[in-house]
Amino acid sequence: MIARNANTGKTLDRIYILSETIDHFVTLVERVKSMGIIIRAIIVDGRPGMLKAYPNIPTQMCQFHQIQIMTRYVTTRPKLLAGKQLRRITLLLPTVKKIMFIKLLDKWISKWSELLKEKTIDEETGRWQYTHRRLRSAYHSLRNNLSFLFTYQEKENSHLNIPNTTNSLDGSFAHLKDSLRVHRGLKRKRKIRLIESLIWR
């Protein structure tokens, strides 16, 4: 897990973990703060808990990750018209103002709310589940993250130059993975040395 200055691209700190948790995130942020660095804003990929971990620091949910979340739920080629329309709305994230996005989302739910309420009953067990669970999840993901998707646009944050994605960091991770694939025979200690040499450049 890496903390990086979004404007300079400079690595601030890193920790080695098996899987990402909110505790790891908080640990890394606190380590950066302990260096005397003032954190004016945070851009995260939206893992549970991260968006609300620091309520006093403006936090931006990566719009690219939000689009990826939507794609996992409805795919790149949704079969339902409702899914197609919701995907089109989501793809507008990087190009529209918050107020327009909310209008589009409100219009979508007013049109498709009954569809999302449809239920399917299992004839054997008698239990029911929502028929369009993945579409419901896609919509609720957008709605739940809405207050963090446009932090970079808010007037009070305009002087902070907040990016709307973590793409610069994700790009460096792709480079790291490529380098590790080339040197896949390395033992763990040497892999870490390779990673260190790349992230501190």
Protein backbone atom coordinates (compact mmCIF):
# COMPACT_ATOMS: atom_id res chain seq x y z
CA MET A 1 0.00 0.00 0.00
CA ILE A 2 1.47 3.33 -1.09
CA ALA A 3 0.79 6.93 -0.07
CA ARG A 4 1.81 9.37 -2.77
CA ASN A 5 1.70 13.11 -3.28
CA ALA A 6 -0.96 13.51 -5.98
CA ASN A 7 0.60 16.69 -7.40
CA THR A 8 4.29 15.75 -7.49
CA GLY A 9 3.98 11.97 -7.87
CA LYS A 10 6.46 11.55 -5.01
CA THR A 11 6.06 8.49 -2.77
CA LEU A 12 5.49 9.54 0.84
CA ASP A 13 5.41 6.15 2.53
CA ARG A 14 4.47 2.50 1.98
CA ILE A 15 3.62 -0.61 3.96
CA TYR A 16 3.72 -4.25 2.88
CA ILE A 17 0.47 -6.12 3.47
CA LEU A 18 -1.27 -9.34 2.47
CA SER A 19 -4.67 -7.73 1.87
CA GLU A 20 -5.90 -4.18 2.18
CA THR A 21 -7.93 -3.21 5.27
CA ILE A 22 -9.16 0.04 6.77
CA ASP A 23 -6.65 -0.39 9.63
CA HIS A 24 -3.79 -0.52 7.12
CA PHE A 25 -5.12 2.62 5.46
CA VAL A 26 -5.34 4.51 8.76
CA THR A 27 -1.86 3.31 9.76
CA LEU A 28 -0.39 4.62 6.52
CA VAL A 29 -2.16 7.98 6.77
CA GLU A 30 -1.04 8.41 10.37
CA ARG A 31 2.54 7.59 9.42
CA VAL A 32 2.44 10.29 6.74
CA LYS A 33 0.98 12.78 9.23
CA SER A 34 3.68 11.91 11.77
CA MET A 35 6.30 13.15 9.26
CA GLY A 36 4.84 16.63 9.65
CA ILE A 37 3.12 16.46 6.27
CA ILE A 38 -0.19 18.31 6.14
CA ILE A 39 -2.78 16.22 4.30
CA ARG A 40 -5.12 18.62 2.53
CA ALA A 41 -7.15 15.98 0.68
CA ILE A 42 -7.26 12.21 0.17
CA ILE A 43 -8.03 10.32 -3.05
CA VAL A 44 -8.90 6.65 -2.53
CA ASP A 45 -10.20 3.71 -4.55
CA GLY A 46 -13.32 3.48 -2.39
CA ARG A 47 -12.74 0.37 -0.32
CA PRO A 48 -15.23 0.11 2.56
CA GLY A 49 -14.38 2.46 5.41
CA MET A 50 -11.76 4.55 3.63
CA LEU A 51 -14.16 7.23 2.42
CA LYS A 52 -15.35 8.02 5.93
CA ALA A 53 -12.13 7.37 7.86
CA TYR A 54 -11.14 11.07 7.94
CA PRO A 55 -14.32 13.18 7.96
CA ASN A 56 -12.35 16.41 8.48
CA ILE A 57 -10.21 15.88 5.38
CA PRO A 58 -11.80 16.27 1.92
CA THR A 59 -11.94 12.77 0.43
CA GLN A 60 -12.37 11.99 -3.25
CA MET A 61 -13.58 8.59 -4.44
CA CYS A 62 -11.69 7.61 -7.59
CA GLN A 63 -14.18 7.96 -10.43
CA PHE A 64 -12.38 5.34 -12.50
CA HIS A 65 -12.80 2.80 -9.68
CA GLN A 66 -16.48 3.69 -9.42
CA ILE A 67 -16.86 2.92 -13.12
CA GLN A 68 -15.04 -0.38 -12.56
CA ILE A 69 -17.42 -1.25 -9.72
CA MET A 70 -20.36 -0.57 -12.01
CA THR A 71 -18.84 -2.74 -14.72
CA ARG A 72 -18.49 -5.66 -12.29
CA TYR A 73 -22.19 -5.41 -11.52
CA VAL A 74 -23.72 -4.77 -14.95
CA THR A 75 -20.85 -5.75 -17.33
CA THR A 76 -19.76 -3.70 -20.34
CA ARG A 77 -22.81 -4.90 -22.28
CA PRO A 78 -25.85 -4.96 -20.01
CA LYS A 79 -28.83 -6.89 -21.36
CA LEU A 80 -31.52 -4.80 -19.70
CA LEU A 81 -32.31 -1.31 -21.00
CA ALA A 82 -32.15 -0.08 -17.40
CA GLY A 83 -28.61 -1.44 -17.10
CA LYS A 84 -27.56 0.12 -20.39
CA GLN A 85 -28.88 3.50 -19.30
CA LEU A 86 -27.25 3.31 -15.86
CA ARG A 87 -23.92 2.40 -17.44
CA ARG A 88 -24.16 5.35 -19.83
CA ILE A 89 -24.85 7.66 -16.89
CA THR A 90 -21.89 6.25 -14.97
CA LEU A 91 -19.52 6.74 -17.91
CA LEU A 92 -20.36 10.46 -17.76
CA LEU A 93 -18.80 10.76 -14.29
CA PRO A 94 -15.51 12.37 -15.39
CA THR A 95 -17.19 14.91 -17.67
CA VAL A 96 -20.25 16.28 -15.84
CA LYS A 97 -20.94 18.49 -12.85
CA LYS A 98 -22.34 16.94 -9.70
CA ILE A 99 -25.74 18.60 -10.05
CA MET A 100 -26.21 17.18 -13.56
CA PHE A 101 -25.14 13.71 -12.46
CA ILE A 102 -27.65 13.75 -9.60
CA LYS A 103 -30.41 14.84 -11.99
CA LEU A 104 -29.60 11.96 -14.33
CA LEU A 105 -29.48 9.47 -11.47
CA ASP A 106 -32.77 10.74 -10.02
CA LYS A 107 -34.43 10.52 -13.43
CA TRP A 108 -33.13 6.95 -13.84
CA ILE A 109 -34.45 5.73 -10.47
CA SER A 110 -37.84 7.39 -11.00
CA LYS A 111 -38.14 5.44 -14.25
CA TRP A 112 -36.83 2.08 -13.01
CA SER A 113 -37.69 1.93 -9.30
CA GLU A 114 -40.45 -0.63 -9.85
CA LEU A 115 -38.07 -2.85 -11.81
CA LEU A 116 -35.62 -2.83 -8.91
CA LYS A 117 -38.40 -3.95 -6.56
CA GLU A 118 -39.22 -7.06 -8.58
CA LYS A 119 -38.76 -10.31 -6.67
CA THR A 120 -38.23 -13.91 -7.67
CA ILE A 121 -39.53 -16.71 -5.45
CA ASP A 122 -37.72 -20.04 -5.22
CA GLU A 123 -40.43 -22.67 -5.78
CA GLU A 124 -38.65 -25.26 -3.63
CA THR A 125 -37.82 -23.14 -0.58
CA GLY A 126 -40.47 -20.45 -0.87
CA ARG A 127 -37.81 -17.86 -0.24
CA TRP A 128 -37.56 -14.74 -2.35
CA GLN A 129 -34.78 -12.56 -3.62
CA TYR A 130 -34.65 -9.43 -5.73
CA THR A 131 -34.75 -10.36 -9.40
CA HIS A 132 -32.24 -7.73 -10.47
CA ARG A 133 -29.83 -7.86 -7.53
CA ARG A 134 -26.76 -6.81 -9.48
CA LEU A 135 -28.53 -3.82 -11.01
CA ARG A 136 -29.76 -2.82 -7.54
CA SER A 137 -26.20 -3.10 -6.21
CA ALA A 138 -24.88 -0.98 -9.08
CA TYR A 139 -27.39 1.78 -8.38
CA HIS A 140 -26.84 1.70 -4.62
CA SER A 141 -23.07 1.83 -5.08
CA LEU A 142 -23.46 5.07 -7.04
CA ARG A 143 -25.95 6.51 -4.59
CA ASN A 144 -23.90 5.56 -1.51
CA ASN A 145 -20.66 7.01 -2.91
CA LEU A 146 -22.27 10.11 -4.40
CA SER A 147 -21.10 12.50 -1.69
CA PHE A 148 -17.46 11.53 -2.39
CA LEU A 149 -17.49 11.35 -6.19
CA PHE A 150 -17.34 15.11 -6.79
CA THR A 151 -15.23 16.38 -3.88
CA TYR A 152 -12.76 17.81 -6.39
CA GLN A 153 -15.51 20.02 -7.86
CA GLU A 154 -16.67 21.59 -4.60
CA LYS A 155 -15.99 25.33 -4.29
CA GLU A 156 -14.34 25.08 -0.89
CA ASN A 157 -11.82 22.60 -2.36
CA SER A 158 -11.11 24.40 -5.64
CA HIS A 159 -7.73 25.70 -4.42
CA LEU A 160 -6.54 22.16 -3.57
CA ASN A 161 -6.27 20.88 -7.15
CA ILE A 162 -7.66 17.46 -6.18
CA PRO A 163 -7.45 14.79 -8.90
CA ASN A 164 -10.67 12.89 -9.59
CA THR A 165 -8.87 9.53 -9.93
CA THR A 166 -5.96 7.54 -8.50
CA ASN A 167 -4.81 6.79 -12.06
CA SER A 168 -1.24 8.06 -11.62
CA LEU A 169 -0.74 5.71 -8.70
CA ASP A 170 -2.49 2.82 -10.45
CA GLY A 171 -0.21 3.33 -13.43
CA SER A 172 2.86 2.93 -11.25
CA PHE A 173 1.39 -0.27 -9.77
CA ALA A 174 1.03 -1.64 -13.30
CA HIS A 175 4.71 -0.84 -13.90
CA LEU A 176 5.63 -2.59 -10.63
CA LYS A 177 3.68 -5.69 -11.59
CA ASP A 178 5.32 -5.79 -15.02
CA SER A 179 8.77 -5.54 -13.43
CA LEU A 180 7.95 -8.31 -10.95
CA ARG A 181 6.71 -10.55 -13.77
CA VAL A 182 10.01 -10.11 -15.60
CA HIS A 183 11.84 -11.08 -12.38
CA ARG A 184 9.34 -13.71 -11.23
CA GLY A 185 12.11 -16.03 -9.96
CA LEU A 186 13.22 -13.58 -7.24
CA LYS A 187 12.78 -14.49 -3.58
CA ARG A 188 10.63 -12.26 -1.36
CA LYS A 189 13.48 -10.14 0.07
CA ARG A 190 14.84 -9.39 -3.38
CA LYS A 191 11.36 -8.63 -4.70
CA ILE A 192 10.95 -6.07 -1.92
CA ARG A 193 14.32 -4.54 -2.80
CA LEU A 194 13.21 -4.24 -6.43
CA ILE A 195 9.92 -2.63 -5.38
CA GLU A 196 11.76 -0.19 -3.09
CA SER A 197 14.12 0.84 -5.87
CA LEU A 198 11.16 1.57 -8.17
CA ILE A 199 8.80 3.39 -5.80
CA TRP A 200 11.40 5.78 -4.40
CA ARG A 201 12.72 6.96 -7.78
